[in-house]
Structure formats: structure tokens, C-alpha cells
Amino acid sequence: MKLDIIDLGLVDYETAWKLQDEYAAEIAEGKRPPTLLLLEHPHVYTFGRKGHAENLLWSEEQLKQKGISTHWVDRGGDVTYHGPGQLVG
């Protein structure tokens, strides 16, 4: 079986999330082979379905000052940090 591996480098979280959804649909339809995306994100915190904003100890103002974004996503879990130097697959 063929597997495509794509190194995207540094990609903002929302762009990567949309690309992952797009590729998953194409793979399900047989239009794309199984694909592994490798990437890093700028500083970002994500909240899953069980996420609680109070578990992130910085205020919105502090996050803004530090250039850190937040996203609520449909995965499990609470709050997760992603950032430069952390390889995500």
C-alpha cells in the first residue's frame, strides 16, 4: 500500500485542522492514498470536548500579549499545548 508523507513545516492550527479534514474526506472517497502530515504549530492551546477554560491559567490578555492562540476542537481531552519544535503527526 502506498503512503504519502507530507512535511508541512510550521503551519497555524486552523489551517492544519482544515487540511486534515479535507484529506480525510479525500482518503475516504478513494481520491487520495493514506497520508501522514508532519508539521509544527506556532504557540497554541487547544481545548477538547472535555476542556475547561479555567484550566488554562493565563488570561485572554496574557495570551494575546504572548501571541498565543486558542481553539476549541472536537477531539477528546482537556487543554493541550502545541508549539514550535514539537513535531505533530
N, C-alpha and C. Protein backbone atom coordinates (compact mmCIF):
# COMPACT_ATOMS: atom_id res chain seq x y z
N MET A 1 0.85 -1.18 0.00
CA MET A 1 0.00 0.00 0.00
C MET A 1 0.90 1.24 0.00
N LYS A 2 0.49 2.23 -0.74
CA LYS A 2 1.22 3.49 -0.80
C LYS A 2 0.82 4.39 0.36
N LEU A 3 1.78 5.10 0.92
CA LEU A 3 1.54 6.07 1.98
C LEU A 3 2.25 7.36 1.60
N ASP A 4 1.52 8.43 1.50
CA ASP A 4 2.12 9.74 1.26
C ASP A 4 2.50 10.35 2.60
N ILE A 5 3.72 10.88 2.67
CA ILE A 5 4.18 11.60 3.86
C ILE A 5 4.50 13.02 3.42
N ILE A 6 3.83 13.98 4.05
CA ILE A 6 3.99 15.38 3.67
C ILE A 6 4.49 16.17 4.87
N ASP A 7 5.65 16.81 4.71
CA ASP A 7 6.22 17.67 5.76
C ASP A 7 5.79 19.10 5.46
N LEU A 8 4.88 19.62 6.26
CA LEU A 8 4.33 20.96 6.03
C LEU A 8 5.11 22.07 6.73
N GLY A 9 6.04 21.71 7.62
CA GLY A 9 6.77 22.74 8.35
C GLY A 9 5.87 23.40 9.39
N LEU A 10 6.05 24.70 9.58
CA LEU A 10 5.28 25.46 10.57
C LEU A 10 3.97 25.94 9.95
N VAL A 11 2.85 25.46 10.51
CA VAL A 11 1.52 25.76 9.97
C VAL A 11 0.60 26.14 11.11
N ASP A 12 -0.19 27.21 10.94
CA ASP A 12 -1.10 27.58 12.02
C ASP A 12 -2.15 26.49 12.21
N TYR A 13 -2.67 26.41 13.42
CA TYR A 13 -3.52 25.29 13.82
C TYR A 13 -4.77 25.16 12.95
N GLU A 14 -5.46 26.25 12.73
CA GLU A 14 -6.72 26.19 11.97
C GLU A 14 -6.50 25.71 10.53
N THR A 15 -5.44 26.18 9.90
CA THR A 15 -5.12 25.74 8.54
C THR A 15 -4.86 24.23 8.52
N ALA A 16 -4.08 23.74 9.46
CA ALA A 16 -3.77 22.32 9.53
C ALA A 16 -5.03 21.50 9.81
N TRP A 17 -5.88 21.98 10.69
CA TRP A 17 -7.13 21.28 11.03
C TRP A 17 -8.01 21.13 9.80
N LYS A 18 -8.17 22.20 9.03
CA LYS A 18 -8.99 22.17 7.81
C LYS A 18 -8.38 21.24 6.77
N LEU A 19 -7.06 21.29 6.62
CA LEU A 19 -6.38 20.43 5.65
C LEU A 19 -6.55 18.96 6.04
N GLN A 20 -6.44 18.67 7.32
CA GLN A 20 -6.62 17.29 7.79
C GLN A 20 -8.02 16.80 7.47
N ASP A 21 -9.04 17.61 7.71
CA ASP A 21 -10.42 17.22 7.38
C ASP A 21 -10.59 17.00 5.88
N GLU A 22 -10.01 17.89 5.09
CA GLU A 22 -10.09 17.78 3.62
C GLU A 22 -9.42 16.48 3.15
N TYR A 23 -8.22 16.21 3.65
CA TYR A 23 -7.52 14.99 3.25
C TYR A 23 -8.26 13.75 3.72
N ALA A 24 -8.81 13.75 4.91
CA ALA A 24 -9.55 12.59 5.42
C ALA A 24 -10.74 12.27 4.52
N ALA A 25 -11.46 13.29 4.06
CA ALA A 25 -12.60 13.08 3.15
C ALA A 25 -12.11 12.50 1.83
N GLU A 26 -11.01 13.03 1.30
CA GLU A 26 -10.47 12.53 0.03
C GLU A 26 -9.98 11.09 0.17
N ILE A 27 -9.38 10.75 1.29
CA ILE A 27 -8.93 9.37 1.52
C ILE A 27 -10.13 8.44 1.61
N ALA A 28 -11.18 8.86 2.33
CA ALA A 28 -12.40 8.04 2.47
C ALA A 28 -13.07 7.81 1.12
N GLU A 29 -12.98 8.79 0.22
CA GLU A 29 -13.59 8.68 -1.12
C GLU A 29 -12.68 7.95 -2.11
N GLY A 30 -11.49 7.57 -1.68
CA GLY A 30 -10.56 6.89 -2.57
C GLY A 30 -9.83 7.81 -3.54
N LYS A 31 -9.89 9.11 -3.28
CA LYS A 31 -9.25 10.09 -4.16
C LYS A 31 -7.82 10.40 -3.76
N ARG A 32 -7.38 9.93 -2.61
CA ARG A 32 -6.03 10.21 -2.10
C ARG A 32 -5.58 8.97 -1.33
N PRO A 33 -4.30 8.61 -1.44
CA PRO A 33 -3.81 7.48 -0.64
C PRO A 33 -3.71 7.88 0.83
N PRO A 34 -3.59 6.90 1.73
CA PRO A 34 -3.36 7.26 3.13
C PRO A 34 -2.20 8.26 3.21
N THR A 35 -2.37 9.26 4.06
CA THR A 35 -1.41 10.37 4.10
C THR A 35 -1.07 10.72 5.54
N LEU A 36 0.22 10.88 5.79
CA LEU A 36 0.71 11.32 7.10
C LEU A 36 1.21 12.74 6.95
N LEU A 37 0.60 13.66 7.68
CA LEU A 37 1.03 15.05 7.69
C LEU A 37 1.96 15.26 8.88
N LEU A 38 3.13 15.81 8.64
CA LEU A 38 4.07 16.15 9.70
C LEU A 38 4.19 17.66 9.72
N LEU A 39 4.08 18.26 10.91
CA LEU A 39 4.10 19.71 10.99
C LEU A 39 4.37 20.18 12.40
N GLU A 40 4.57 21.48 12.51
CA GLU A 40 4.67 22.16 13.80
C GLU A 40 3.66 23.30 13.78
N HIS A 41 3.27 23.75 14.95
CA HIS A 41 2.35 24.89 15.06
C HIS A 41 3.04 26.05 15.75
N PRO A 42 2.64 27.28 15.40
CA PRO A 42 3.00 28.41 16.27
C PRO A 42 2.35 28.14 17.64
N HIS A 43 2.74 28.88 18.66
CA HIS A 43 2.21 28.66 20.01
C HIS A 43 0.68 28.67 20.01
N VAL A 44 0.09 27.57 20.49
CA VAL A 44 -1.37 27.45 20.51
C VAL A 44 -1.78 26.49 21.62
N TYR A 45 -2.92 26.77 22.23
CA TYR A 45 -3.56 25.84 23.16
C TYR A 45 -4.87 25.41 22.54
N THR A 46 -5.14 24.10 22.59
CA THR A 46 -6.41 23.58 22.11
C THR A 46 -7.20 23.01 23.28
N PHE A 47 -8.50 23.14 23.19
CA PHE A 47 -9.42 22.58 24.18
C PHE A 47 -10.27 21.53 23.50
N GLY A 48 -10.30 20.33 24.07
CA GLY A 48 -11.12 19.25 23.55
C GLY A 48 -12.53 19.31 24.10
N ARG A 49 -13.30 18.27 23.80
CA ARG A 49 -14.70 18.22 24.24
C ARG A 49 -14.84 18.31 25.76
N LYS A 50 -13.87 17.84 26.48
CA LYS A 50 -13.92 17.88 27.94
C LYS A 50 -13.12 19.06 28.49
N GLY A 51 -12.81 20.01 27.63
CA GLY A 51 -11.98 21.14 28.02
C GLY A 51 -12.69 22.12 28.93
N HIS A 52 -11.92 22.74 29.78
CA HIS A 52 -12.42 23.76 30.70
C HIS A 52 -11.47 24.96 30.62
N ALA A 53 -12.00 26.10 30.21
CA ALA A 53 -11.18 27.30 30.03
C ALA A 53 -10.42 27.67 31.30
N GLU A 54 -10.98 27.39 32.45
CA GLU A 54 -10.31 27.75 33.70
C GLU A 54 -9.04 26.92 33.94
N ASN A 55 -8.84 25.85 33.18
CA ASN A 55 -7.63 25.05 33.32
C ASN A 55 -6.42 25.68 32.63
N LEU A 56 -6.67 26.69 31.82
CA LEU A 56 -5.58 27.46 31.24
C LEU A 56 -5.41 28.69 32.12
N LEU A 57 -4.27 28.81 32.76
CA LEU A 57 -4.11 29.80 33.83
C LEU A 57 -3.79 31.21 33.34
N TRP A 58 -3.58 31.40 32.05
CA TRP A 58 -3.35 32.75 31.52
C TRP A 58 -4.66 33.35 31.05
N SER A 59 -4.78 34.66 31.23
CA SER A 59 -5.98 35.37 30.76
C SER A 59 -5.90 35.58 29.25
N GLU A 60 -7.00 35.96 28.65
CA GLU A 60 -7.02 36.27 27.21
C GLU A 60 -6.02 37.36 26.88
N GLU A 61 -5.89 38.34 27.75
CA GLU A 61 -4.93 39.44 27.53
C GLU A 61 -3.50 38.92 27.56
N GLN A 62 -3.18 38.05 28.51
CA GLN A 62 -1.83 37.48 28.58
C GLN A 62 -1.52 36.65 27.34
N LEU A 63 -2.49 35.87 26.90
CA LEU A 63 -2.30 35.06 25.69
C LEU A 63 -2.04 35.96 24.49
N LYS A 64 -2.83 37.02 24.38
CA LYS A 64 -2.67 37.96 23.27
C LYS A 64 -1.29 38.60 23.29
N GLN A 65 -0.84 39.03 24.47
CA GLN A 65 0.48 39.65 24.61
C GLN A 65 1.59 38.69 24.19
N LYS A 66 1.41 37.40 24.44
CA LYS A 66 2.42 36.40 24.12
C LYS A 66 2.26 35.85 22.70
N GLY A 67 1.22 36.28 22.00
CA GLY A 67 0.99 35.79 20.63
C GLY A 67 0.55 34.35 20.58
N ILE A 68 -0.21 33.93 21.58
CA ILE A 68 -0.67 32.54 21.66
C ILE A 68 -2.16 32.50 21.36
N SER A 69 -2.55 31.61 20.43
CA SER A 69 -3.97 31.48 20.10
C SER A 69 -4.56 30.28 20.82
N THR A 70 -5.89 30.22 20.86
CA THR A 70 -6.62 29.09 21.43
C THR A 70 -7.68 28.65 20.44
N HIS A 71 -7.97 27.34 20.46
CA HIS A 71 -9.00 26.78 19.59
C HIS A 71 -9.76 25.70 20.34
N TRP A 72 -11.08 25.67 20.16
CA TRP A 72 -11.91 24.60 20.69
C TRP A 72 -12.13 23.61 19.56
N VAL A 73 -11.84 22.32 19.82
CA VAL A 73 -11.90 21.30 18.78
C VAL A 73 -12.73 20.11 19.23
N ASP A 74 -13.05 19.22 18.28
CA ASP A 74 -13.96 18.11 18.58
C ASP A 74 -13.24 16.82 18.97
N ARG A 75 -12.02 16.94 19.45
CA ARG A 75 -11.31 15.76 19.94
C ARG A 75 -11.59 15.60 21.44
N GLY A 76 -11.15 14.51 22.00
CA GLY A 76 -11.30 14.32 23.44
C GLY A 76 -10.26 15.12 24.21
N GLY A 77 -10.34 15.06 25.50
CA GLY A 77 -9.33 15.69 26.33
C GLY A 77 -9.67 17.09 26.77
N ASP A 78 -8.75 17.68 27.50
CA ASP A 78 -8.94 18.99 28.09
C ASP A 78 -8.13 20.01 27.30
N VAL A 79 -7.09 20.55 27.89
CA VAL A 79 -6.29 21.58 27.24
C VAL A 79 -4.92 20.98 26.86
N THR A 80 -4.47 21.29 25.64
CA THR A 80 -3.19 20.78 25.13
C THR A 80 -2.40 21.90 24.51
N TYR A 81 -1.11 21.96 24.78
CA TYR A 81 -0.23 22.95 24.18
C TYR A 81 0.46 22.35 22.95
N HIS A 82 0.58 23.15 21.88
CA HIS A 82 1.39 22.82 20.71
C HIS A 82 2.25 24.03 20.41
N GLY A 83 3.47 23.79 19.94
CA GLY A 83 4.33 24.93 19.62
C GLY A 83 5.50 24.55 18.76
N PRO A 84 6.27 25.56 18.34
CA PRO A 84 7.45 25.34 17.52
C PRO A 84 8.40 24.33 18.18
N GLY A 85 8.95 23.44 17.37
CA GLY A 85 9.86 22.42 17.89
C GLY A 85 9.16 21.15 18.30
N GLN A 86 7.82 21.17 18.37
CA GLN A 86 7.06 19.98 18.73
C GLN A 86 6.49 19.39 17.43
N LEU A 87 6.98 18.24 17.02
CA LEU A 87 6.51 17.62 15.80
C LEU A 87 5.14 16.99 16.03
N VAL A 88 4.21 17.31 15.16
CA VAL A 88 2.85 16.77 15.24
C VAL A 88 2.63 15.93 13.99
N GLY A 89 2.07 14.73 14.18
CA GLY A 89 1.77 13.86 13.05
C GLY A 89 0.32 13.46 13.07
